[in-house]
Amino acid sequence: MIKFWKKRLKKLDVFDIGLIKWSVVAFTLFVITIWPAAMIWVHSMNPWYFLIVAVIIAARPIYRVYIKK
């Protein structure tokens, strides 16, 4: 099963990865729009928590691309 995914992932280019990211953003906006409890939760959270999570999630890819040689 892992060989299958590795073979498929090699066919993706930068544009495809970008489209995947934008589709996740669009789906997230869709969910918080149609589900009122999700919108209330998002609005009740401190925005700094979302920034902290974003930095933590981005740390490894940034390290692997720009720092690790």
PDB file of N, CA and C in Angstrom:
ATOM      1  N   MET A   1       0.823  -1.190   0.000  1.00  0.00           N
ATOM      2  CA  MET A   1       0.000   0.000   0.000  1.00  0.00           C
ATOM      3  C   MET A   1       0.868   1.256   0.000  1.00  0.00           C
ATOM      4  N   ILE A   2       1.964   1.230   0.727  1.00  0.00           N
ATOM      5  CA  ILE A   2       2.845   2.396   0.767  1.00  0.00           C
ATOM      6  C   ILE A   2       3.497   2.614  -0.594  1.00  0.00           C
ATOM      7  N   LYS A   3       3.863   1.542  -1.268  1.00  0.00           N
ATOM      8  CA  LYS A   3       4.451   1.684  -2.605  1.00  0.00           C
ATOM      9  C   LYS A   3       3.466   2.355  -3.558  1.00  0.00           C
ATOM     10  N   PHE A   4       2.195   1.995  -3.430  1.00  0.00           N
ATOM     11  CA  PHE A   4       1.158   2.598  -4.262  1.00  0.00           C
ATOM     12  C   PHE A   4       1.128   4.110  -4.069  1.00  0.00           C
ATOM     13  N   TRP A   5       1.128   4.554  -2.794  1.00  0.00           N
ATOM     14  CA  TRP A   5       1.061   5.996  -2.523  1.00  0.00           C
ATOM     15  C   TRP A   5       2.321   6.720  -2.947  1.00  0.00           C
ATOM     16  N   LYS A   6       3.481   6.104  -2.734  1.00  0.00           N
ATOM     17  CA  LYS A   6       4.735   6.743  -3.169  1.00  0.00           C
ATOM     18  C   LYS A   6       4.748   6.933  -4.683  1.00  0.00           C
ATOM     19  N   LYS A   7       4.280   5.944  -5.404  1.00  0.00           N
ATOM     20  CA  LYS A   7       4.231   6.033  -6.859  1.00  0.00           C
ATOM     21  C   LYS A   7       3.272   7.141  -7.295  1.00  0.00           C
ATOM     22  N   ARG A   8       2.131   7.249  -6.652  1.00  0.00           N
ATOM     23  CA  ARG A   8       1.140   8.273  -6.992  1.00  0.00           C
ATOM     24  C   ARG A   8       1.624   9.669  -6.621  1.00  0.00           C
ATOM     25  N   LEU A   9       2.268   9.799  -5.476  1.00  0.00           N
ATOM     26  CA  LEU A   9       2.722  11.116  -5.024  1.00  0.00           C
ATOM     27  C   LEU A   9       3.825  11.686  -5.910  1.00  0.00           C
ATOM     28  N   LYS A  10       4.601  10.822  -6.539  1.00  0.00           N
ATOM     29  CA  LYS A  10       5.663  11.300  -7.420  1.00  0.00           C
ATOM     30  C   LYS A  10       5.106  11.991  -8.655  1.00  0.00           C
ATOM     31  N   LYS A  11       3.847  11.722  -8.987  1.00  0.00           N
ATOM     32  CA  LYS A  11       3.225  12.343 -10.153  1.00  0.00           C
ATOM     33  C   LYS A  11       2.738  13.763  -9.874  1.00  0.00           C
ATOM     34  N   LEU A  12       2.673  14.158  -8.609  1.00  0.00           N
ATOM     35  CA  LEU A  12       2.201  15.488  -8.254  1.00  0.00           C
ATOM     36  C   LEU A  12       3.313  16.519  -8.429  1.00  0.00           C
ATOM     37  N   ASP A  13       2.949  17.696  -8.917  1.00  0.00           N
ATOM     38  CA  ASP A  13       3.922  18.780  -8.995  1.00  0.00           C
ATOM     39  C   ASP A  13       3.516  19.885  -8.018  1.00  0.00           C
ATOM     40  N   VAL A  14       4.231  20.983  -8.036  1.00  0.00           N
ATOM     41  CA  VAL A  14       3.997  22.078  -7.098  1.00  0.00           C
ATOM     42  C   VAL A  14       2.586  22.644  -7.268  1.00  0.00           C
ATOM     43  N   PHE A  15       2.130  22.769  -8.491  1.00  0.00           N
ATOM     44  CA  PHE A  15       0.791  23.295  -8.754  1.00  0.00           C
ATOM     45  C   PHE A  15      -0.282  22.400  -8.137  1.00  0.00           C
ATOM     46  N   ASP A  16      -0.116  21.085  -8.240  1.00  0.00           N
ATOM     47  CA  ASP A  16      -1.079  20.150  -7.656  1.00  0.00           C
ATOM     48  C   ASP A  16      -1.128  20.281  -6.135  1.00  0.00           C
ATOM     49  N   ILE A  17       0.025  20.398  -5.520  1.00  0.00           N
ATOM     50  CA  ILE A  17       0.087  20.560  -4.063  1.00  0.00           C
ATOM     51  C   ILE A  17      -0.611  21.852  -3.655  1.00  0.00           C
ATOM     52  N   GLY A  18      -0.387  22.916  -4.404  1.00  0.00           N
ATOM     53  CA  GLY A  18      -1.060  24.184  -4.128  1.00  0.00           C
ATOM     54  C   GLY A  18      -2.567  24.058  -4.242  1.00  0.00           C
ATOM     55  N   LEU A  19      -3.038  23.345  -5.254  1.00  0.00           N
ATOM     56  CA  LEU A  19      -4.478  23.133  -5.411  1.00  0.00           C
ATOM     57  C   LEU A  19      -5.059  22.314  -4.253  1.00  0.00           C
ATOM     58  N   ILE A  20      -4.307  21.350  -3.765  1.00  0.00           N
ATOM     59  CA  ILE A  20      -4.755  20.567  -2.614  1.00  0.00           C
ATOM     60  C   ILE A  20      -4.903  21.473  -1.393  1.00  0.00           C
ATOM     61  N   LYS A  21      -3.935  22.344  -1.189  1.00  0.00           N
ATOM     62  CA  LYS A  21      -4.001  23.271  -0.050  1.00  0.00           C
ATOM     63  C   LYS A  21      -5.222  24.181  -0.154  1.00  0.00           C
ATOM     64  N   TRP A  22      -5.472  24.732  -1.344  1.00  0.00           N
ATOM     65  CA  TRP A  22      -6.618  25.621  -1.523  1.00  0.00           C
ATOM     66  C   TRP A  22      -7.933  24.872  -1.363  1.00  0.00           C
ATOM     67  N   SER A  23      -7.969  23.610  -1.752  1.00  0.00           N
ATOM     68  CA  SER A  23      -9.199  22.841  -1.570  1.00  0.00           C
ATOM     69  C   SER A  23      -9.472  22.600  -0.085  1.00  0.00           C
ATOM     70  N   VAL A  24      -8.428  22.409   0.707  1.00  0.00           N
ATOM     71  CA  VAL A  24      -8.599  22.250   2.150  1.00  0.00           C
ATOM     72  C   VAL A  24      -9.130  23.545   2.758  1.00  0.00           C
ATOM     73  N   VAL A  25      -8.599  24.687   2.329  1.00  0.00           N
ATOM     74  CA  VAL A  25      -9.084  25.987   2.819  1.00  0.00           C
ATOM     75  C   VAL A  25     -10.556  26.158   2.456  1.00  0.00           C
ATOM     76  N   ALA A  26     -10.911  25.874   1.220  1.00  0.00           N
ATOM     77  CA  ALA A  26     -12.301  26.031   0.778  1.00  0.00           C
ATOM     78  C   ALA A  26     -13.232  25.099   1.542  1.00  0.00           C
ATOM     79  N   PHE A  27     -12.807  23.856   1.772  1.00  0.00           N
ATOM     80  CA  PHE A  27     -13.646  22.915   2.512  1.00  0.00           C
ATOM     81  C   PHE A  27     -13.825  23.372   3.955  1.00  0.00           C
ATOM     82  N   THR A  28     -12.766  23.890   4.568  1.00  0.00           N
ATOM     83  CA  THR A  28     -12.860  24.394   5.934  1.00  0.00           C
ATOM     84  C   THR A  28     -13.844  25.560   6.018  1.00  0.00           C
ATOM     85  N   LEU A  29     -13.765  26.480   5.069  1.00  0.00           N
ATOM     86  CA  LEU A  29     -14.712  27.590   5.041  1.00  0.00           C
ATOM     87  C   LEU A  29     -16.141  27.081   4.834  1.00  0.00           C
ATOM     88  N   PHE A  30     -16.310  26.076   4.007  1.00  0.00           N
ATOM     89  CA  PHE A  30     -17.625  25.473   3.783  1.00  0.00           C
ATOM     90  C   PHE A  30     -18.180  24.905   5.085  1.00  0.00           C
ATOM     91  N   VAL A  31     -17.340  24.169   5.810  1.00  0.00           N
ATOM     92  CA  VAL A  31     -17.797  23.535   7.054  1.00  0.00           C
ATOM     93  C   VAL A  31     -18.202  24.585   8.079  1.00  0.00           C
ATOM     94  N   ILE A  32     -17.378  25.618   8.262  1.00  0.00           N
ATOM     95  CA  ILE A  32     -17.739  26.601   9.290  1.00  0.00           C
ATOM     96  C   ILE A  32     -18.907  27.485   8.840  1.00  0.00           C
ATOM     97  N   THR A  33     -19.222  27.481   7.561  1.00  0.00           N
ATOM     98  CA  THR A  33     -20.373  28.239   7.086  1.00  0.00           C
ATOM     99  C   THR A  33     -21.676  27.473   7.297  1.00  0.00           C
ATOM    100  N   ILE A  34     -21.669  26.159   7.039  1.00  0.00           N
ATOM    101  CA  ILE A  34     -22.923  25.401   7.151  1.00  0.00           C
ATOM    102  C   ILE A  34     -23.159  24.839   8.547  1.00  0.00           C
ATOM    103  N   TRP A  35     -22.150  24.822   9.392  1.00  0.00           N
ATOM    104  CA  TRP A  35     -22.285  24.261  10.730  1.00  0.00           C
ATOM    105  C   TRP A  35     -22.131  25.392  11.737  1.00  0.00           C
ATOM    106  N   PRO A  36     -23.234  25.912  12.264  1.00  0.00           N
ATOM    107  CA  PRO A  36     -23.167  27.078  13.156  1.00  0.00           C
ATOM    108  C   PRO A  36     -22.301  26.851  14.401  1.00  0.00           C
ATOM    109  N   ALA A  37     -22.288  25.649  14.935  1.00  0.00           N
ATOM    110  CA  ALA A  37     -21.472  25.388  16.128  1.00  0.00           C
ATOM    111  C   ALA A  37     -19.985  25.552  15.827  1.00  0.00           C
ATOM    112  N   ALA A  38     -19.578  25.178  14.620  1.00  0.00           N
ATOM    113  CA  ALA A  38     -18.169  25.352  14.244  1.00  0.00           C
ATOM    114  C   ALA A  38     -17.832  26.827  14.124  1.00  0.00           C
ATOM    115  N   MET A  39     -18.733  27.622  13.561  1.00  0.00           N
ATOM    116  CA  MET A  39     -18.489  29.058  13.439  1.00  0.00           C
ATOM    117  C   MET A  39     -18.398  29.704  14.818  1.00  0.00           C
ATOM    118  N   ILE A  40     -19.279  29.311  15.719  1.00  0.00           N
ATOM    119  CA  ILE A  40     -19.233  29.857  17.080  1.00  0.00           C
ATOM    120  C   ILE A  40     -17.922  29.485  17.751  1.00  0.00           C
ATOM    121  N   TRP A  41     -17.478  28.252  17.569  1.00  0.00           N
ATOM    122  CA  TRP A  41     -16.217  27.817  18.182  1.00  0.00           C
ATOM    123  C   TRP A  41     -15.045  28.619  17.626  1.00  0.00           C
ATOM    124  N   VAL A  42     -15.009  28.825  16.303  1.00  0.00           N
ATOM    125  CA  VAL A  42     -13.922  29.580  15.682  1.00  0.00           C
ATOM    126  C   VAL A  42     -13.901  31.004  16.215  1.00  0.00           C
ATOM    127  N   HIS A  43     -15.073  31.618  16.318  1.00  0.00           N
ATOM    128  CA  HIS A  43     -15.137  32.998  16.801  1.00  0.00           C
ATOM    129  C   HIS A  43     -14.821  33.108  18.290  1.00  0.00           C
ATOM    130  N   SER A  44     -15.041  32.049  19.045  1.00  0.00           N
ATOM    131  CA  SER A  44     -14.771  32.108  20.481  1.00  0.00           C
ATOM    132  C   SER A  44     -13.303  31.851  20.812  1.00  0.00           C
ATOM    133  N   MET A  45     -12.556  31.308  19.869  1.00  0.00           N
ATOM    134  CA  MET A  45     -11.139  31.010  20.114  1.00  0.00           C
ATOM    135  C   MET A  45     -10.298  32.269  19.996  1.00  0.00           C
ATOM    136  N   ASN A  46      -9.228  32.299  20.758  1.00  0.00           N
ATOM    137  CA  ASN A  46      -8.259  33.382  20.643  1.00  0.00           C
ATOM    138  C   ASN A  46      -7.501  33.189  19.318  1.00  0.00           C
ATOM    139  N   PRO A  47      -7.430  34.232  18.467  1.00  0.00           N
ATOM    140  CA  PRO A  47      -6.775  34.065  17.159  1.00  0.00           C
ATOM    141  C   PRO A  47      -5.296  33.682  17.255  1.00  0.00           C
ATOM    142  N   TRP A  48      -4.672  33.992  18.351  1.00  0.00           N
ATOM    143  CA  TRP A  48      -3.258  33.651  18.521  1.00  0.00           C
ATOM    144  C   TRP A  48      -3.052  32.146  18.584  1.00  0.00           C
ATOM    145  N   TYR A  49      -4.058  31.412  19.051  1.00  0.00           N
ATOM    146  CA  TYR A  49      -3.954  29.951  19.076  1.00  0.00           C
ATOM    147  C   TYR A  49      -3.831  29.393  17.659  1.00  0.00           C
ATOM    148  N   PHE A  50      -4.594  29.955  16.745  1.00  0.00           N
ATOM    149  CA  PHE A  50      -4.513  29.505  15.359  1.00  0.00           C
ATOM    150  C   PHE A  50      -3.145  29.817  14.754  1.00  0.00           C
ATOM    151  N   LEU A  51      -2.594  30.975  15.100  1.00  0.00           N
ATOM    152  CA  LEU A  51      -1.255  31.325  14.616  1.00  0.00           C
ATOM    153  C   LEU A  51      -0.208  30.370  15.184  1.00  0.00           C
ATOM    154  N   ILE A  52      -0.315  30.047  16.452  1.00  0.00           N
ATOM    155  CA  ILE A  52       0.634  29.122  17.079  1.00  0.00           C
ATOM    156  C   ILE A  52       0.565  27.748  16.400  1.00  0.00           C
ATOM    157  N   VAL A  53      -0.638  27.261  16.154  1.00  0.00           N
ATOM    158  CA  VAL A  53      -0.806  25.966  15.479  1.00  0.00           C
ATOM    159  C   VAL A  53      -0.213  26.019  14.069  1.00  0.00           C
ATOM    160  N   ALA A  54      -0.448  27.118  13.354  1.00  0.00           N
ATOM    161  CA  ALA A  54       0.091  27.254  11.998  1.00  0.00           C
ATOM    162  C   ALA A  54       1.618  27.225  12.012  1.00  0.00           C
ATOM    163  N   VAL A  55       2.235  27.892  12.966  1.00  0.00           N
ATOM    164  CA  VAL A  55       3.706  27.903  13.061  1.00  0.00           C
ATOM    165  C   VAL A  55       4.227  26.507  13.383  1.00  0.00           C
ATOM    166  N   ILE A  56       3.562  25.815  14.291  1.00  0.00           N
ATOM    167  CA  ILE A  56       3.993  24.461  14.650  1.00  0.00           C
ATOM    168  C   ILE A  56       3.873  23.520  13.444  1.00  0.00           C
ATOM    169  N   ILE A  57       2.772  23.616  12.710  1.00  0.00           N
ATOM    170  CA  ILE A  57       2.567  22.754  11.552  1.00  0.00           C
ATOM    171  C   ILE A  57       3.584  23.058  10.455  1.00  0.00           C
ATOM    172  N   ALA A  58       3.923  24.330  10.275  1.00  0.00           N
ATOM    173  CA  ALA A  58       4.835  24.722   9.200  1.00  0.00           C
ATOM    174  C   ALA A  58       6.306  24.536   9.569  1.00  0.00           C
ATOM    175  N   ALA A  59       6.620  24.301  10.826  1.00  0.00           N
ATOM    176  CA  ALA A  59       8.015  24.243  11.275  1.00  0.00           C
ATOM    177  C   ALA A  59       8.811  23.143  10.569  1.00  0.00           C
ATOM    178  N   ARG A  60       8.284  21.955  10.500  1.00  0.00           N
ATOM    179  CA  ARG A  60       9.031  20.848   9.888  1.00  0.00           C
ATOM    180  C   ARG A  60       9.284  21.058   8.399  1.00  0.00           C
ATOM    181  N   PRO A  61       8.258  21.393   7.604  1.00  0.00           N
ATOM    182  CA  PRO A  61       8.558  21.625   6.185  1.00  0.00           C
ATOM    183  C   PRO A  61       9.542  22.768   5.958  1.00  0.00           C
ATOM    184  N   ILE A  62       9.411  23.828   6.718  1.00  0.00           N
ATOM    185  CA  ILE A  62      10.362  24.951   6.564  1.00  0.00           C
ATOM    186  C   ILE A  62      11.770  24.496   6.933  1.00  0.00           C
ATOM    187  N   TYR A  63      11.889  23.733   7.996  1.00  0.00           N
ATOM    188  CA  TYR A  63      13.201  23.218   8.397  1.00  0.00           C
ATOM    189  C   TYR A  63      13.794  22.336   7.293  1.00  0.00           C
ATOM    190  N   ARG A  64      12.980  21.426   6.744  1.00  0.00           N
ATOM    191  CA  ARG A  64      13.491  20.498   5.732  1.00  0.00           C
ATOM    192  C   ARG A  64      13.858  21.184   4.426  1.00  0.00           C
ATOM    193  N   VAL A  65      13.161  22.258   4.075  1.00  0.00           N
ATOM    194  CA  VAL A  65      13.433  22.928   2.814  1.00  0.00           C
ATOM    195  C   VAL A  65      14.566  23.938   2.930  1.00  0.00           C
ATOM    196  N   TYR A  66      14.569  24.739   3.982  1.00  0.00           N
ATOM    197  CA  TYR A  66      15.496  25.850   4.043  1.00  0.00           C
ATOM    198  C   TYR A  66      16.714  25.637   4.947  1.00  0.00           C
ATOM    199  N   ILE A  67      16.599  24.802   5.962  1.00  0.00           N
ATOM    200  CA  ILE A  67      17.702  24.686   6.932  1.00  0.00           C
ATOM    201  C   ILE A  67      18.502  23.387   6.763  1.00  0.00           C
ATOM    202  N   LYS A  68      17.816  22.262   6.641  1.00  0.00           N
ATOM    203  CA  LYS A  68      18.489  20.971   6.541  1.00  0.00           C
ATOM    204  C   LYS A  68      19.198  20.861   5.195  1.00  0.00           C
ATOM    205  N   LYS A  69      20.437  20.403   5.225  1.00  0.00           N
ATOM    206  CA  LYS A  69      21.207  20.291   3.989  1.00  0.00           C
ATOM    207  C   LYS A  69      21.599  18.877   3.703  1.00  0.00           C
TER     208      LYS A  69
END
